[in-house]
PDB file of all heavy atoms in Angstrom:
ATOM      1  N   MET A   1     -49.070 -63.436  67.194  1.00  0.00           N
ATOM      2  CA  MET A   1     -48.211 -62.290  66.864  1.00  0.00           C
ATOM      3  C   MET A   1     -47.806 -62.392  65.336  1.00  0.00           C
ATOM      4  O   MET A   1     -47.764 -63.489  64.791  1.00  0.00           O
ATOM      5  CB  MET A   1     -47.082 -62.123  67.726  1.00  0.00           C
ATOM      6  CG  MET A   1     -47.501 -61.864  69.202  1.00  0.00           C
ATOM      7  SD  MET A   1     -46.095 -61.216  70.172  1.00  0.00           S
ATOM      8  CE  MET A   1     -45.716 -59.630  69.517  1.00  0.00           C
ATOM      9  N   ALA A   2     -47.427 -61.309  64.742  1.00  0.00           N
ATOM     10  CA  ALA A   2     -46.990 -61.298  63.400  1.00  0.00           C
ATOM     11  C   ALA A   2     -45.405 -61.402  63.457  1.00  0.00           C
ATOM     12  O   ALA A   2     -44.741 -60.399  63.801  1.00  0.00           O
ATOM     13  CB  ALA A   2     -47.371 -60.022  62.710  1.00  0.00           C
ATOM     14  N   PRO A   3     -44.831 -62.471  62.916  1.00  0.00           N
ATOM     15  CA  PRO A   3     -43.494 -62.648  62.964  1.00  0.00           C
ATOM     16  C   PRO A   3     -42.901 -61.685  61.785  1.00  0.00           C
ATOM     17  O   PRO A   3     -43.377 -61.602  60.749  1.00  0.00           O
ATOM     18  CB  PRO A   3     -43.225 -64.026  62.697  1.00  0.00           C
ATOM     19  CG  PRO A   3     -44.468 -64.560  61.942  1.00  0.00           C
ATOM     20  CD  PRO A   3     -45.508 -63.724  62.592  1.00  0.00           C
ATOM     21  N   ILE A   4     -41.632 -61.176  61.953  1.00  0.00           N
ATOM     22  CA  ILE A   4     -40.962 -60.520  60.952  1.00  0.00           C
ATOM     23  C   ILE A   4     -39.663 -61.397  60.677  1.00  0.00           C
ATOM     24  O   ILE A   4     -38.793 -61.466  61.627  1.00  0.00           O
ATOM     25  CB  ILE A   4     -40.534 -59.056  61.360  1.00  0.00           C
ATOM     26  CG1 ILE A   4     -41.836 -58.252  61.642  1.00  0.00           C
ATOM     27  CG2 ILE A   4     -39.731 -58.391  60.214  1.00  0.00           C
ATOM     28  CD1 ILE A   4     -41.533 -57.028  62.410  1.00  0.00           C
ATOM     29  N   TRP A   5     -39.695 -62.095  59.658  1.00  0.00           N
ATOM     30  CA  TRP A   5     -38.579 -63.151  59.410  1.00  0.00           C
ATOM     31  C   TRP A   5     -37.333 -62.475  58.819  1.00  0.00           C
ATOM     32  O   TRP A   5     -37.455 -61.544  57.954  1.00  0.00           O
ATOM     33  CB  TRP A   5     -39.097 -64.131  58.416  1.00  0.00           C
ATOM     34  CG  TRP A   5     -40.367 -64.792  58.736  1.00  0.00           C
ATOM     35  CD1 TRP A   5     -41.552 -64.582  58.221  1.00  0.00           C
ATOM     36  CD2 TRP A   5     -40.550 -65.795  59.740  1.00  0.00           C
ATOM     37  NE1 TRP A   5     -42.467 -65.430  58.834  1.00  0.00           N
ATOM     38  CE2 TRP A   5     -41.861 -66.134  59.836  1.00  0.00           C
ATOM     39  CE3 TRP A   5     -39.674 -66.369  60.732  1.00  0.00           C
ATOM     40  CZ2 TRP A   5     -42.456 -67.145  60.660  1.00  0.00           C
ATOM     41  CZ3 TRP A   5     -40.205 -67.321  61.588  1.00  0.00           C
ATOM     42  CH2 TRP A   5     -41.575 -67.702  61.552  1.00  0.00           C
ATOM     43  N   ARG A   6     -36.117 -62.717  59.432  1.00  0.00           N
ATOM     44  CA  ARG A   6     -34.915 -62.227  58.992  1.00  0.00           C
ATOM     45  C   ARG A   6     -33.976 -63.424  58.696  1.00  0.00           C
ATOM     46  O   ARG A   6     -33.141 -63.732  59.481  1.00  0.00           O
ATOM     47  CB  ARG A   6     -34.287 -61.215  59.961  1.00  0.00           C
ATOM     48  CG  ARG A   6     -35.086 -59.946  60.041  1.00  0.00           C
ATOM     49  CD  ARG A   6     -34.950 -59.153  58.636  1.00  0.00           C
ATOM     50  NE  ARG A   6     -35.451 -57.845  58.743  1.00  0.00           N
ATOM     51  CZ  ARG A   6     -36.544 -57.315  58.290  1.00  0.00           C
ATOM     52  NH1 ARG A   6     -37.385 -58.208  57.661  1.00  0.00           N
ATOM     53  NH2 ARG A   6     -36.963 -56.061  58.457  1.00  0.00           N
ATOM     54  N   ARG A   7     -34.295 -64.150  57.568  1.00  0.00           N
ATOM     55  CA  ARG A   7     -33.494 -65.318  57.273  1.00  0.00           C
ATOM     56  C   ARG A   7     -32.039 -65.035  57.164  1.00  0.00           C
ATOM     57  O   ARG A   7     -31.142 -65.851  57.511  1.00  0.00           O
ATOM     58  CB  ARG A   7     -33.987 -65.921  55.878  1.00  0.00           C
ATOM     59  CG  ARG A   7     -33.290 -67.128  55.428  1.00  0.00           C
ATOM     60  CD  ARG A   7     -33.541 -67.424  53.953  1.00  0.00           C
ATOM     61  NE  ARG A   7     -34.918 -67.662  53.657  1.00  0.00           N
ATOM     62  CZ  ARG A   7     -35.304 -68.705  52.888  1.00  0.00           C
ATOM     63  NH1 ARG A   7     -34.411 -69.553  52.517  1.00  0.00           N
ATOM     64  NH2 ARG A   7     -36.509 -68.845  52.585  1.00  0.00           N
ATOM     65  N   GLU A   8     -31.642 -63.838  56.628  1.00  0.00           N
ATOM     66  CA  GLU A   8     -30.257 -63.603  56.308  1.00  0.00           C
ATOM     67  C   GLU A   8     -29.424 -63.605  57.642  1.00  0.00           C
ATOM     68  O   GLU A   8     -28.175 -63.867  57.611  1.00  0.00           O
ATOM     69  CB  GLU A   8     -30.088 -62.204  55.573  1.00  0.00           C
ATOM     70  CG  GLU A   8     -30.533 -61.040  56.408  1.00  0.00           C
ATOM     71  CD  GLU A   8     -32.040 -60.667  56.447  1.00  0.00           C
ATOM     72  OE1 GLU A   8     -32.791 -61.522  55.804  1.00  0.00           O
ATOM     73  OE2 GLU A   8     -32.426 -59.585  56.843  1.00  0.00           O
ATOM     74  N   ASN A   9     -29.949 -63.303  58.757  1.00  0.00           N
ATOM     75  CA  ASN A   9     -29.229 -63.446  60.022  1.00  0.00           C
ATOM     76  C   ASN A   9     -29.804 -64.405  61.066  1.00  0.00           C
ATOM     77  O   ASN A   9     -29.507 -64.462  62.252  1.00  0.00           O
ATOM     78  CB  ASN A   9     -28.904 -62.057  60.704  1.00  0.00           C
ATOM     79  CG  ASN A   9     -30.275 -61.284  60.915  1.00  0.00           C
ATOM     80  OD1 ASN A   9     -31.252 -61.851  60.817  1.00  0.00           O
ATOM     81  ND2 ASN A   9     -30.054 -59.967  61.121  1.00  0.00           N
ATOM     82  N   GLY A  10     -30.746 -65.194  60.465  1.00  0.00           N
ATOM     83  CA  GLY A  10     -31.317 -66.317  61.388  1.00  0.00           C
ATOM     84  C   GLY A  10     -32.148 -65.789  62.526  1.00  0.00           C
ATOM     85  O   GLY A  10     -32.108 -66.555  63.524  1.00  0.00           O
ATOM     86  N   LEU A  11     -32.850 -64.615  62.429  1.00  0.00           N
ATOM     87  CA  LEU A  11     -33.638 -64.194  63.476  1.00  0.00           C
ATOM     88  C   LEU A  11     -35.025 -63.995  63.183  1.00  0.00           C
ATOM     89  O   LEU A  11     -35.429 -63.891  61.924  1.00  0.00           O
ATOM     90  CB  LEU A  11     -33.084 -62.752  63.800  1.00  0.00           C
ATOM     91  CG  LEU A  11     -31.604 -62.675  64.361  1.00  0.00           C
ATOM     92  CD1 LEU A  11     -31.158 -61.289  64.507  1.00  0.00           C
ATOM     93  CD2 LEU A  11     -31.472 -63.440  65.583  1.00  0.00           C
ATOM     94  N   VAL A  12     -35.898 -63.971  64.185  1.00  0.00           N
ATOM     95  CA  VAL A  12     -37.344 -63.701  64.077  1.00  0.00           C
ATOM     96  C   VAL A  12     -37.524 -62.463  65.015  1.00  0.00           C
ATOM     97  O   VAL A  12     -37.152 -62.392  66.220  1.00  0.00           O
ATOM     98  CB  VAL A  12     -38.173 -64.864  64.514  1.00  0.00           C
ATOM     99  CG1 VAL A  12     -39.680 -64.545  64.286  1.00  0.00           C
ATOM    100  CG2 VAL A  12     -37.809 -66.096  63.734  1.00  0.00           C
ATOM    101  N   TRP A  13     -38.343 -61.477  64.421  1.00  0.00           N
ATOM    102  CA  TRP A  13     -38.586 -60.320  65.247  1.00  0.00           C
ATOM    103  C   TRP A  13     -40.062 -60.111  65.412  1.00  0.00           C
ATOM    104  O   TRP A  13     -40.792 -60.509  64.574  1.00  0.00           O
ATOM    105  CB  TRP A  13     -37.980 -59.059  64.558  1.00  0.00           C
ATOM    106  CG  TRP A  13     -36.625 -58.970  64.452  1.00  0.00           C
ATOM    107  CD1 TRP A  13     -35.698 -59.530  63.533  1.00  0.00           C
ATOM    108  CD2 TRP A  13     -35.670 -58.365  65.361  1.00  0.00           C
ATOM    109  NE1 TRP A  13     -34.446 -59.302  63.749  1.00  0.00           N
ATOM    110  CE2 TRP A  13     -34.382 -58.504  64.900  1.00  0.00           C
ATOM    111  CE3 TRP A  13     -35.901 -57.549  66.511  1.00  0.00           C
ATOM    112  CZ2 TRP A  13     -33.355 -57.938  65.543  1.00  0.00           C
ATOM    113  CZ3 TRP A  13     -34.759 -57.006  67.171  1.00  0.00           C
ATOM    114  CH2 TRP A  13     -33.559 -57.153  66.775  1.00  0.00           C
ATOM    115  N   PHE A  14     -40.456 -59.430  66.416  1.00  0.00           N
ATOM    116  CA  PHE A  14     -41.880 -59.048  66.717  1.00  0.00           C
ATOM    117  C   PHE A  14     -41.749 -57.594  67.254  1.00  0.00           C
ATOM    118  O   PHE A  14     -40.851 -57.213  67.863  1.00  0.00           O
ATOM    119  CB  PHE A  14     -42.561 -59.908  67.856  1.00  0.00           C
ATOM    120  CG  PHE A  14     -42.599 -61.402  67.496  1.00  0.00           C
ATOM    121  CD1 PHE A  14     -41.647 -62.281  67.963  1.00  0.00           C
ATOM    122  CD2 PHE A  14     -43.618 -61.913  66.768  1.00  0.00           C
ATOM    123  CE1 PHE A  14     -41.709 -63.640  67.554  1.00  0.00           C
ATOM    124  CE2 PHE A  14     -43.707 -63.261  66.442  1.00  0.00           C
ATOM    125  CZ  PHE A  14     -42.639 -64.058  66.866  1.00  0.00           C
ATOM    126  N   LEU A  15     -42.823 -56.856  66.842  1.00  0.00           N
ATOM    127  CA  LEU A  15     -42.971 -55.534  67.535  1.00  0.00           C
ATOM    128  C   LEU A  15     -44.144 -55.499  68.450  1.00  0.00           C
ATOM    129  O   LEU A  15     -45.176 -56.127  68.162  1.00  0.00           O
ATOM    130  CB  LEU A  15     -43.216 -54.524  66.383  1.00  0.00           C
ATOM    131  CG  LEU A  15     -42.048 -54.277  65.400  1.00  0.00           C
ATOM    132  CD1 LEU A  15     -42.445 -53.474  64.206  1.00  0.00           C
ATOM    133  CD2 LEU A  15     -40.845 -53.588  66.181  1.00  0.00           C
ATOM    134  N   THR A  16     -43.942 -54.858  69.578  1.00  0.00           N
ATOM    135  CA  THR A  16     -44.961 -54.796  70.665  1.00  0.00           C
ATOM    136  C   THR A  16     -44.852 -53.591  71.497  1.00  0.00           C
ATOM    137  O   THR A  16     -43.917 -52.776  71.146  1.00  0.00           O
ATOM    138  CB  THR A  16     -44.839 -56.093  71.490  1.00  0.00           C
ATOM    139  OG1 THR A  16     -45.988 -56.205  72.352  1.00  0.00           O
ATOM    140  CG2 THR A  16     -43.547 -56.081  72.286  1.00  0.00           C
ATOM    141  N   SER A  17     -45.717 -53.523  72.392  1.00  0.00           N
ATOM    142  CA  SER A  17     -45.622 -52.355  73.371  1.00  0.00           C
ATOM    143  C   SER A  17     -44.837 -52.695  74.501  1.00  0.00           C
ATOM    144  O   SER A  17     -44.845 -53.853  74.951  1.00  0.00           O
ATOM    145  CB  SER A  17     -47.135 -51.978  73.745  1.00  0.00           C
ATOM    146  OG  SER A  17     -47.077 -50.994  74.746  1.00  0.00           O
ATOM    147  N   LEU A  18     -44.225 -51.708  75.159  1.00  0.00           N
ATOM    148  CA  LEU A  18     -43.474 -51.914  76.443  1.00  0.00           C
ATOM    149  C   LEU A  18     -44.443 -52.419  77.565  1.00  0.00           C
ATOM    150  O   LEU A  18     -44.048 -53.171  78.389  1.00  0.00           O
ATOM    151  CB  LEU A  18     -42.946 -50.641  76.937  1.00  0.00           C
ATOM    152  CG  LEU A  18     -41.418 -50.351  76.483  1.00  0.00           C
ATOM    153  CD1 LEU A  18     -41.018 -48.929  76.787  1.00  0.00           C
ATOM    154  CD2 LEU A  18     -40.492 -51.286  77.106  1.00  0.00           C
ATOM    155  N   ASP A  19     -45.644 -51.905  77.555  1.00  0.00           N
ATOM    156  CA  ASP A  19     -46.537 -52.244  78.620  1.00  0.00           C
ATOM    157  C   ASP A  19     -47.301 -53.513  78.358  1.00  0.00           C
ATOM    158  O   ASP A  19     -48.574 -53.359  78.228  1.00  0.00           O
ATOM    159  CB  ASP A  19     -47.509 -51.057  78.801  1.00  0.00           C
ATOM    160  CG  ASP A  19     -48.362 -51.269  80.056  1.00  0.00           C
ATOM    161  OD1 ASP A  19     -47.897 -51.839  81.040  1.00  0.00           O
ATOM    162  OD2 ASP A  19     -49.538 -50.624  80.114  1.00  0.00           O
ATOM    163  N   THR A  20     -46.670 -54.637  78.293  1.00  0.00           N
ATOM    164  CA  THR A  20     -47.338 -55.927  78.045  1.00  0.00           C
ATOM    165  C   THR A  20     -46.682 -56.974  78.956  1.00  0.00           C
ATOM    166  O   THR A  20     -45.621 -56.874  79.447  1.00  0.00           O
ATOM    167  CB  THR A  20     -47.194 -56.395  76.552  1.00  0.00           C
ATOM    168  OG1 THR A  20     -45.800 -56.650  76.305  1.00  0.00           O
ATOM    169  CG2 THR A  20     -47.681 -55.373  75.638  1.00  0.00           C
ATOM    170  N   GLU A  21     -47.501 -58.012  79.218  1.00  0.00           N
ATOM    171  CA  GLU A  21     -47.004 -59.238  79.930  1.00  0.00           C
ATOM    172  C   GLU A  21     -45.865 -59.924  79.199  1.00  0.00           C
ATOM    173  O   GLU A  21     -44.873 -60.384  79.894  1.00  0.00           O
ATOM    174  CB  GLU A  21     -48.118 -60.207  80.080  1.00  0.00           C
ATOM    175  CG  GLU A  21     -49.160 -59.919  81.155  1.00  0.00           C
ATOM    176  CD  GLU A  21     -50.188 -60.934  81.210  1.00  0.00           C
ATOM    177  OE1 GLU A  21     -49.766 -62.072  81.572  1.00  0.00           O
ATOM    178  OE2 GLU A  21     -51.408 -60.643  81.052  1.00  0.00           O
ATOM    179  N   LYS A  22     -45.814 -59.847  77.881  1.00  0.00           N
ATOM    180  CA  LYS A  22     -44.676 -60.411  77.040  1.00  0.00           C
ATOM    181  C   LYS A  22     -43.442 -59.889  77.689  1.00  0.00           C
ATOM    182  O   LYS A  22     -42.411 -60.632  77.762  1.00  0.00           O
ATOM    183  CB  LYS A  22     -44.840 -60.144  75.619  1.00  0.00           C
ATOM    184  CG  LYS A  22     -46.042 -60.756  74.900  1.00  0.00           C
ATOM    185  CD  LYS A  22     -46.063 -60.362  73.448  1.00  0.00           C
ATOM    186  CE  LYS A  22     -46.402 -59.017  73.146  1.00  0.00           C
ATOM    187  NZ  LYS A  22     -47.785 -58.611  73.403  1.00  0.00           N
ATOM    188  N   ARG A  23     -43.341 -58.575  77.734  1.00  0.00           N
ATOM    189  CA  ARG A  23     -42.006 -57.902  78.157  1.00  0.00           C
ATOM    190  C   ARG A  23     -41.617 -58.443  79.402  1.00  0.00           C
ATOM    191  O   ARG A  23     -40.384 -58.823  79.641  1.00  0.00           O
ATOM    192  CB  ARG A  23     -42.162 -56.333  78.128  1.00  0.00           C
ATOM    193  CG  ARG A  23     -40.834 -55.705  78.444  1.00  0.00           C
ATOM    194  CD  ARG A  23     -41.121 -54.289  78.589  1.00  0.00           C
ATOM    195  NE  ARG A  23     -42.020 -53.946  79.738  1.00  0.00           N
ATOM    196  CZ  ARG A  23     -41.685 -54.035  81.097  1.00  0.00           C
ATOM    197  NH1 ARG A  23     -40.480 -54.409  81.508  1.00  0.00           N
ATOM    198  NH2 ARG A  23     -42.622 -53.769  81.970  1.00  0.00           N
ATOM    199  N   GLN A  24     -42.585 -58.480  80.325  1.00  0.00           N
ATOM    200  CA  GLN A  24     -42.246 -58.990  81.689  1.00  0.00           C
ATOM    201  C   GLN A  24     -41.798 -60.404  81.726  1.00  0.00           C
ATOM    202  O   GLN A  24     -40.884 -60.819  82.455  1.00  0.00           O
ATOM    203  CB  GLN A  24     -43.398 -58.662  82.677  1.00  0.00           C
ATOM    204  CG  GLN A  24     -43.662 -57.231  82.804  1.00  0.00           C
ATOM    205  CD  GLN A  24     -45.062 -57.048  83.442  1.00  0.00           C
ATOM    206  OE1 GLN A  24     -45.845 -57.948  83.610  1.00  0.00           O
ATOM    207  NE2 GLN A  24     -45.367 -55.706  83.698  1.00  0.00           N
ATOM    208  N   GLU A  25     -42.581 -61.219  81.002  1.00  0.00           N
ATOM    209  CA  GLU A  25     -42.281 -62.680  80.896  1.00  0.00           C
ATOM    210  C   GLU A  25     -40.841 -62.858  80.288  1.00  0.00           C
ATOM    211  O   GLU A  25     -40.148 -63.726  80.844  1.00  0.00           O
ATOM    212  CB  GLU A  25     -43.295 -63.366  80.132  1.00  0.00           C
ATOM    213  CG  GLU A  25     -44.750 -63.387  80.824  1.00  0.00           C
ATOM    214  CD  GLU A  25     -45.899 -63.783  79.859  1.00  0.00           C
ATOM    215  OE1 GLU A  25     -45.576 -64.203  78.724  1.00  0.00           O
ATOM    216  OE2 GLU A  25     -46.933 -63.959  80.464  1.00  0.00           O
TER     217      GLU A  25
END
């Protein structure tokens, strides 16, 4: 996956679809 780094608040974000195993997991 492509990480979206947000150093200023210490977070890592990803964008994905609702209909995925990731969401369920």
